[in-house]
């Protein structure tokens, strides 16, 4: 797939895809003889994973570290697992905070509906 096709498929700009590759957020994209990026299914899975993780708020540094560990091979499996476990823990903490915020908003809406918005 071309960068334009991948851009449309995942809703990311071509500049974002090039940036992801440049900083190591995705492994180097294979290129044809003319030097044009040719995204294969493996590369697209990386793009999809990174879009998902970034959408969840996972830090770029952690994702770059994950990709670098992956590229080093199976000897890094435990380190990759630990990195993912820590990112999951952080995501769960953010989700708990968001649930708290949602509950507070629901309460404020309920107060509005009851005409009691003068309460904090």
N, C-alpha and C. Protein backbone atom coordinates (compact mmCIF):
# COMPACT_ATOMS: atom_id res chain seq x y z
N UNK A 1 0.85 -1.18 0.00
CA UNK A 1 0.00 0.00 0.00
C UNK A 1 0.89 1.24 0.00
N UNK A 2 0.41 2.27 -0.63
CA UNK A 2 1.14 3.53 -0.62
C UNK A 2 0.85 4.28 0.67
N UNK A 3 1.63 5.32 0.92
CA UNK A 3 1.41 6.11 2.12
C UNK A 3 0.03 6.78 2.08
N UNK A 4 -0.42 7.16 0.90
CA UNK A 4 -1.74 7.78 0.76
C UNK A 4 -2.85 6.79 1.12
N UNK A 5 -2.69 5.55 0.69
CA UNK A 5 -3.69 4.51 1.00
C UNK A 5 -3.72 4.22 2.50
N UNK A 6 -2.55 4.13 3.11
CA UNK A 6 -2.47 3.87 4.55
C UNK A 6 -3.04 5.06 5.32
N UNK A 7 -2.77 6.25 4.84
CA UNK A 7 -3.29 7.47 5.45
C UNK A 7 -4.82 7.44 5.48
N UNK A 8 -5.42 7.09 4.35
CA UNK A 8 -6.89 7.00 4.29
C UNK A 8 -7.41 5.87 5.16
N UNK A 9 -6.76 4.74 5.12
CA UNK A 9 -7.21 3.56 5.85
C UNK A 9 -7.26 3.80 7.36
N UNK A 10 -6.26 4.51 7.89
CA UNK A 10 -6.15 4.68 9.34
C UNK A 10 -6.48 6.09 9.83
N UNK A 11 -6.80 6.97 8.91
CA UNK A 11 -7.16 8.33 9.31
C UNK A 11 -6.00 9.11 9.90
N UNK A 12 -4.81 8.84 9.41
CA UNK A 12 -3.62 9.56 9.83
C UNK A 12 -3.04 10.28 8.61
N UNK A 13 -2.47 11.45 8.81
CA UNK A 13 -1.88 12.14 7.67
C UNK A 13 -0.58 11.45 7.25
N UNK A 14 -0.20 11.69 6.02
CA UNK A 14 1.07 11.14 5.52
C UNK A 14 2.22 11.69 6.37
N UNK A 15 2.13 12.95 6.76
CA UNK A 15 3.18 13.53 7.62
C UNK A 15 3.27 12.79 8.95
N UNK A 16 2.14 12.42 9.52
CA UNK A 16 2.14 11.67 10.78
C UNK A 16 2.78 10.31 10.59
N UNK A 17 2.46 9.65 9.49
CA UNK A 17 3.05 8.34 9.22
C UNK A 17 4.56 8.44 9.05
N UNK A 18 5.01 9.46 8.33
CA UNK A 18 6.46 9.65 8.17
C UNK A 18 7.11 9.96 9.51
N UNK A 19 6.44 10.78 10.33
CA UNK A 19 6.94 11.12 11.66
C UNK A 19 7.05 9.87 12.53
N UNK A 20 6.01 9.05 12.53
CA UNK A 20 6.03 7.80 13.31
C UNK A 20 7.24 6.94 12.92
N UNK A 21 7.51 6.87 11.64
CA UNK A 21 8.65 6.07 11.18
C UNK A 21 9.97 6.73 11.59
N UNK A 22 10.06 8.05 11.42
CA UNK A 22 11.30 8.77 11.71
C UNK A 22 11.71 8.65 13.18
N UNK A 23 10.72 8.70 14.10
CA UNK A 23 11.06 8.65 15.53
C UNK A 23 11.12 7.22 16.06
N UNK A 24 10.81 6.23 15.24
CA UNK A 24 10.89 4.84 15.66
C UNK A 24 9.62 4.32 16.30
N UNK A 25 8.51 5.02 16.08
CA UNK A 25 7.23 4.55 16.62
C UNK A 25 6.70 3.36 15.84
N UNK A 26 7.10 3.29 14.59
CA UNK A 26 6.86 2.09 13.77
C UNK A 26 8.21 1.72 13.16
N UNK A 27 8.43 0.44 12.91
CA UNK A 27 9.69 0.03 12.27
C UNK A 27 9.82 0.66 10.88
N UNK A 28 11.04 0.69 10.35
CA UNK A 28 11.22 1.25 9.01
C UNK A 28 10.28 0.58 8.00
N UNK A 29 9.67 1.41 7.18
CA UNK A 29 8.72 0.92 6.18
C UNK A 29 9.50 0.45 4.95
N UNK A 30 9.17 -0.75 4.46
CA UNK A 30 9.85 -1.23 3.24
C UNK A 30 9.64 -0.23 2.09
N UNK A 31 10.61 -0.16 1.21
CA UNK A 31 10.54 0.75 0.06
C UNK A 31 10.78 -0.02 -1.24
N UNK A 32 10.19 0.50 -2.29
CA UNK A 32 10.43 -0.13 -3.59
C UNK A 32 11.73 0.37 -4.18
N UNK A 33 12.06 -0.04 -5.38
CA UNK A 33 13.33 0.33 -6.01
C UNK A 33 13.47 1.83 -6.20
N UNK A 34 12.36 2.52 -6.29
CA UNK A 34 12.39 3.98 -6.46
C UNK A 34 12.46 4.72 -5.12
N UNK A 35 12.46 3.96 -4.03
CA UNK A 35 12.54 4.57 -2.71
C UNK A 35 11.19 4.97 -2.12
N UNK A 36 10.12 4.58 -2.79
CA UNK A 36 8.78 4.93 -2.31
C UNK A 36 8.34 3.90 -1.28
N UNK A 37 7.77 4.39 -0.19
CA UNK A 37 7.30 3.51 0.88
C UNK A 37 6.21 2.57 0.36
N UNK A 38 6.36 1.30 0.71
CA UNK A 38 5.37 0.28 0.35
C UNK A 38 4.95 -0.43 1.64
N UNK A 39 3.84 0.01 2.20
CA UNK A 39 3.36 -0.55 3.46
C UNK A 39 2.79 -1.95 3.22
N UNK A 40 3.37 -2.93 3.90
CA UNK A 40 2.84 -4.29 3.82
C UNK A 40 1.92 -4.52 5.02
N UNK A 41 1.34 -5.70 5.12
CA UNK A 41 0.39 -5.97 6.20
C UNK A 41 1.05 -5.88 7.58
N UNK A 42 2.29 -6.32 7.67
CA UNK A 42 3.00 -6.24 8.94
C UNK A 42 3.16 -4.79 9.38
N UNK A 43 3.57 -3.95 8.46
CA UNK A 43 3.74 -2.53 8.77
C UNK A 43 2.40 -1.90 9.12
N UNK A 44 1.35 -2.29 8.40
CA UNK A 44 0.02 -1.76 8.71
C UNK A 44 -0.44 -2.17 10.11
N UNK A 45 -0.07 -3.37 10.54
CA UNK A 45 -0.42 -3.78 11.91
C UNK A 45 0.28 -2.89 12.92
N UNK A 46 1.52 -2.49 12.64
CA UNK A 46 2.23 -1.56 13.52
C UNK A 46 1.51 -0.22 13.56
N UNK A 47 1.12 0.28 12.39
CA UNK A 47 0.40 1.57 12.33
C UNK A 47 -0.88 1.48 13.15
N UNK A 48 -1.62 0.40 12.95
CA UNK A 48 -2.88 0.21 13.68
C UNK A 48 -2.65 0.14 15.19
N UNK A 49 -1.62 -0.59 15.61
CA UNK A 49 -1.31 -0.70 17.03
C UNK A 49 -0.95 0.67 17.61
N UNK A 50 -0.12 1.41 16.91
CA UNK A 50 0.31 2.71 17.42
C UNK A 50 -0.84 3.71 17.44
N UNK A 51 -1.71 3.66 16.46
CA UNK A 51 -2.87 4.55 16.47
C UNK A 51 -3.74 4.24 17.68
N UNK A 52 -3.96 2.96 17.94
CA UNK A 52 -4.76 2.53 19.08
C UNK A 52 -4.11 2.97 20.39
N UNK A 53 -2.83 2.71 20.54
CA UNK A 53 -2.13 3.04 21.78
C UNK A 53 -2.07 4.55 22.01
N UNK A 54 -1.81 5.31 20.96
CA UNK A 54 -1.78 6.77 21.10
C UNK A 54 -3.18 7.29 21.44
N UNK A 55 -4.20 6.70 20.84
CA UNK A 55 -5.58 7.10 21.15
C UNK A 55 -5.94 6.83 22.59
N UNK A 56 -5.29 5.84 23.18
CA UNK A 56 -5.52 5.51 24.59
C UNK A 56 -4.64 6.34 25.52
N UNK A 57 -3.77 7.16 24.93
CA UNK A 57 -2.93 8.03 25.73
C UNK A 57 -1.61 7.43 26.16
N UNK A 58 -1.22 6.30 25.57
CA UNK A 58 0.06 5.71 25.90
C UNK A 58 1.16 6.64 25.39
N UNK A 59 2.16 6.88 26.23
CA UNK A 59 3.21 7.83 25.91
C UNK A 59 4.08 7.34 24.74
N UNK A 60 4.47 8.29 23.92
CA UNK A 60 5.30 7.98 22.75
C UNK A 60 6.60 7.30 23.15
N UNK A 61 7.23 7.79 24.22
CA UNK A 61 8.50 7.20 24.65
C UNK A 61 8.37 5.71 24.96
N UNK A 62 7.28 5.34 25.61
CA UNK A 62 7.06 3.93 25.95
C UNK A 62 6.88 3.10 24.68
N UNK A 63 6.18 3.66 23.71
CA UNK A 63 5.94 2.93 22.46
C UNK A 63 7.22 2.80 21.64
N UNK A 64 8.02 3.84 21.63
CA UNK A 64 9.30 3.77 20.92
C UNK A 64 10.18 2.70 21.57
N UNK A 65 10.18 2.67 22.89
CA UNK A 65 10.96 1.65 23.60
C UNK A 65 10.45 0.25 23.24
N UNK A 66 9.13 0.09 23.16
CA UNK A 66 8.55 -1.21 22.82
C UNK A 66 9.03 -1.65 21.43
N UNK A 67 8.96 -0.74 20.46
CA UNK A 67 9.38 -1.08 19.10
C UNK A 67 10.87 -1.45 19.08
N UNK A 68 11.68 -0.69 19.79
CA UNK A 68 13.12 -0.98 19.83
C UNK A 68 13.37 -2.35 20.45
N UNK A 69 12.66 -2.66 21.52
CA UNK A 69 12.81 -3.98 22.15
C UNK A 69 12.37 -5.08 21.19
N UNK A 70 11.26 -4.87 20.51
CA UNK A 70 10.75 -5.86 19.55
C UNK A 70 11.80 -6.15 18.48
N UNK A 71 12.43 -5.09 18.00
CA UNK A 71 13.41 -5.25 16.92
C UNK A 71 14.67 -5.99 17.39
N UNK A 72 14.89 -6.05 18.71
CA UNK A 72 16.04 -6.77 19.24
C UNK A 72 15.80 -8.27 19.34
N UNK A 73 14.55 -8.70 19.17
CA UNK A 73 14.27 -10.12 19.13
C UNK A 73 13.65 -10.70 20.39
N UNK A 74 13.55 -12.02 20.38
CA UNK A 74 12.85 -12.75 21.44
C UNK A 74 13.48 -12.61 22.82
N UNK A 75 14.74 -12.24 22.88
CA UNK A 75 15.40 -12.07 24.17
C UNK A 75 14.82 -10.93 24.99
N UNK A 76 14.03 -10.10 24.35
CA UNK A 76 13.43 -8.95 25.04
C UNK A 76 11.96 -9.18 25.40
N UNK A 77 11.50 -10.40 25.24
CA UNK A 77 10.08 -10.69 25.48
C UNK A 77 9.62 -10.28 26.88
N UNK A 78 10.41 -10.60 27.89
CA UNK A 78 10.03 -10.27 29.27
C UNK A 78 10.00 -8.75 29.47
N UNK A 79 10.97 -8.05 28.91
CA UNK A 79 11.01 -6.58 29.03
C UNK A 79 9.80 -5.96 28.32
N UNK A 80 9.44 -6.50 27.16
CA UNK A 80 8.27 -5.99 26.44
C UNK A 80 7.00 -6.24 27.25
N UNK A 81 6.90 -7.43 27.81
CA UNK A 81 5.74 -7.76 28.63
C UNK A 81 5.63 -6.79 29.81
N UNK A 82 6.74 -6.55 30.49
CA UNK A 82 6.73 -5.65 31.65
C UNK A 82 6.35 -4.23 31.23
N UNK A 83 6.85 -3.78 30.09
CA UNK A 83 6.49 -2.46 29.60
C UNK A 83 4.99 -2.38 29.34
N UNK A 84 4.44 -3.40 28.71
CA UNK A 84 3.00 -3.42 28.42
C UNK A 84 2.18 -3.48 29.70
N UNK A 85 2.62 -4.23 30.67
CA UNK A 85 1.90 -4.32 31.95
C UNK A 85 1.88 -2.94 32.62
N UNK A 86 3.00 -2.25 32.61
CA UNK A 86 3.05 -0.91 33.21
C UNK A 86 2.14 0.06 32.47
N UNK A 87 2.13 -0.01 31.15
CA UNK A 87 1.26 0.87 30.38
C UNK A 87 -0.21 0.56 30.65
N UNK A 88 -0.53 -0.72 30.82
CA UNK A 88 -1.90 -1.11 31.16
C UNK A 88 -2.28 -0.54 32.52
N UNK A 89 -1.36 -0.61 33.49
CA UNK A 89 -1.63 -0.07 34.82
C UNK A 89 -1.91 1.43 34.75
N UNK A 90 -1.10 2.14 33.99
CA UNK A 90 -1.31 3.58 33.84
C UNK A 90 -2.63 3.89 33.16
N UNK A 91 -2.97 3.12 32.15
CA UNK A 91 -4.24 3.31 31.45
C UNK A 91 -5.42 3.03 32.37
N UNK A 92 -5.34 2.00 33.17
CA UNK A 92 -6.41 1.70 34.12
C UNK A 92 -6.58 2.83 35.13
N UNK A 93 -5.48 3.42 35.56
CA UNK A 93 -5.56 4.54 36.50
C UNK A 93 -6.24 5.74 35.84
N UNK A 94 -5.89 6.04 34.58
CA UNK A 94 -6.54 7.14 33.87
C UNK A 94 -8.03 6.87 33.67
N UNK A 95 -8.36 5.61 33.39
CA UNK A 95 -9.77 5.25 33.20
C UNK A 95 -10.56 5.43 34.49
N UNK A 96 -9.94 5.09 35.61
CA UNK A 96 -10.61 5.26 36.90
C UNK A 96 -10.86 6.75 37.16
N UNK A 97 -9.88 7.59 36.84
CA UNK A 97 -10.05 9.03 36.99
C UNK A 97 -11.17 9.54 36.09
N UNK A 98 -11.22 9.03 34.88
CA UNK A 98 -12.27 9.45 33.96
C UNK A 98 -13.65 9.00 34.45
N UNK A 99 -13.73 7.81 35.02
CA UNK A 99 -15.00 7.34 35.58
C UNK A 99 -15.47 8.26 36.70
N UNK A 100 -14.52 8.69 37.54
CA UNK A 100 -14.85 9.63 38.61
C UNK A 100 -15.38 10.93 38.04
N UNK A 101 -14.72 11.44 37.02
CA UNK A 101 -15.16 12.68 36.38
C UNK A 101 -16.54 12.52 35.76
N UNK A 102 -16.78 11.39 35.14
CA UNK A 102 -18.08 11.12 34.53
C UNK A 102 -19.17 11.09 35.60
N UNK A 103 -18.90 10.43 36.71
CA UNK A 103 -19.89 10.37 37.80
C UNK A 103 -20.18 11.77 38.32
N UNK A 104 -19.16 12.60 38.45
CA UNK A 104 -19.37 13.97 38.94
C UNK A 104 -20.20 14.76 37.94
N UNK A 105 -19.91 14.62 36.65
CA UNK A 105 -20.71 15.30 35.62
C UNK A 105 -22.17 14.84 35.67
N UNK A 106 -22.38 13.55 35.80
CA UNK A 106 -23.74 13.02 35.89
C UNK A 106 -24.47 13.64 37.08
N UNK A 107 -23.77 13.77 38.19
CA UNK A 107 -24.37 14.37 39.38
C UNK A 107 -24.73 15.84 39.12
N UNK A 108 -23.84 16.58 38.47
CA UNK A 108 -24.11 17.99 38.18
C UNK A 108 -25.30 18.12 37.23
N UNK A 109 -25.41 17.24 36.27
CA UNK A 109 -26.54 17.25 35.34
C UNK A 109 -27.83 16.99 36.11
N UNK A 110 -27.76 16.03 37.02
CA UNK A 110 -28.93 15.72 37.84
C UNK A 110 -29.35 16.94 38.67
N UNK A 111 -28.39 17.66 39.23
CA UNK A 111 -28.70 18.87 39.99
C UNK A 111 -29.36 19.92 39.11
N UNK A 112 -28.87 20.06 37.88
CA UNK A 112 -29.49 20.99 36.93
C UNK A 112 -30.94 20.62 36.67
N UNK A 113 -31.16 19.33 36.45
CA UNK A 113 -32.52 18.86 36.17
C UNK A 113 -33.45 19.07 37.35
N UNK A 114 -32.89 19.09 38.55
CA UNK A 114 -33.69 19.30 39.76
C UNK A 114 -33.77 20.77 40.14
N UNK A 115 -33.15 21.63 39.34
CA UNK A 115 -33.16 23.05 39.64
C UNK A 115 -32.31 23.42 40.83
N UNK A 116 -31.31 22.61 41.15
CA UNK A 116 -30.47 22.85 42.31
C UNK A 116 -29.04 23.20 41.92
N UNK A 117 -28.86 23.90 40.83
CA UNK A 117 -27.52 24.18 40.34
C UNK A 117 -26.77 25.17 41.20
N UNK A 118 -27.40 25.75 42.21
CA UNK A 118 -26.69 26.68 43.08
C UNK A 118 -25.72 25.93 43.99
N UNK A 119 -25.81 24.60 44.02
CA UNK A 119 -24.88 23.79 44.82
C UNK A 119 -23.62 23.51 44.00
N UNK A 120 -22.50 23.46 44.70
CA UNK A 120 -21.23 23.18 44.00
C UNK A 120 -21.06 21.71 43.79
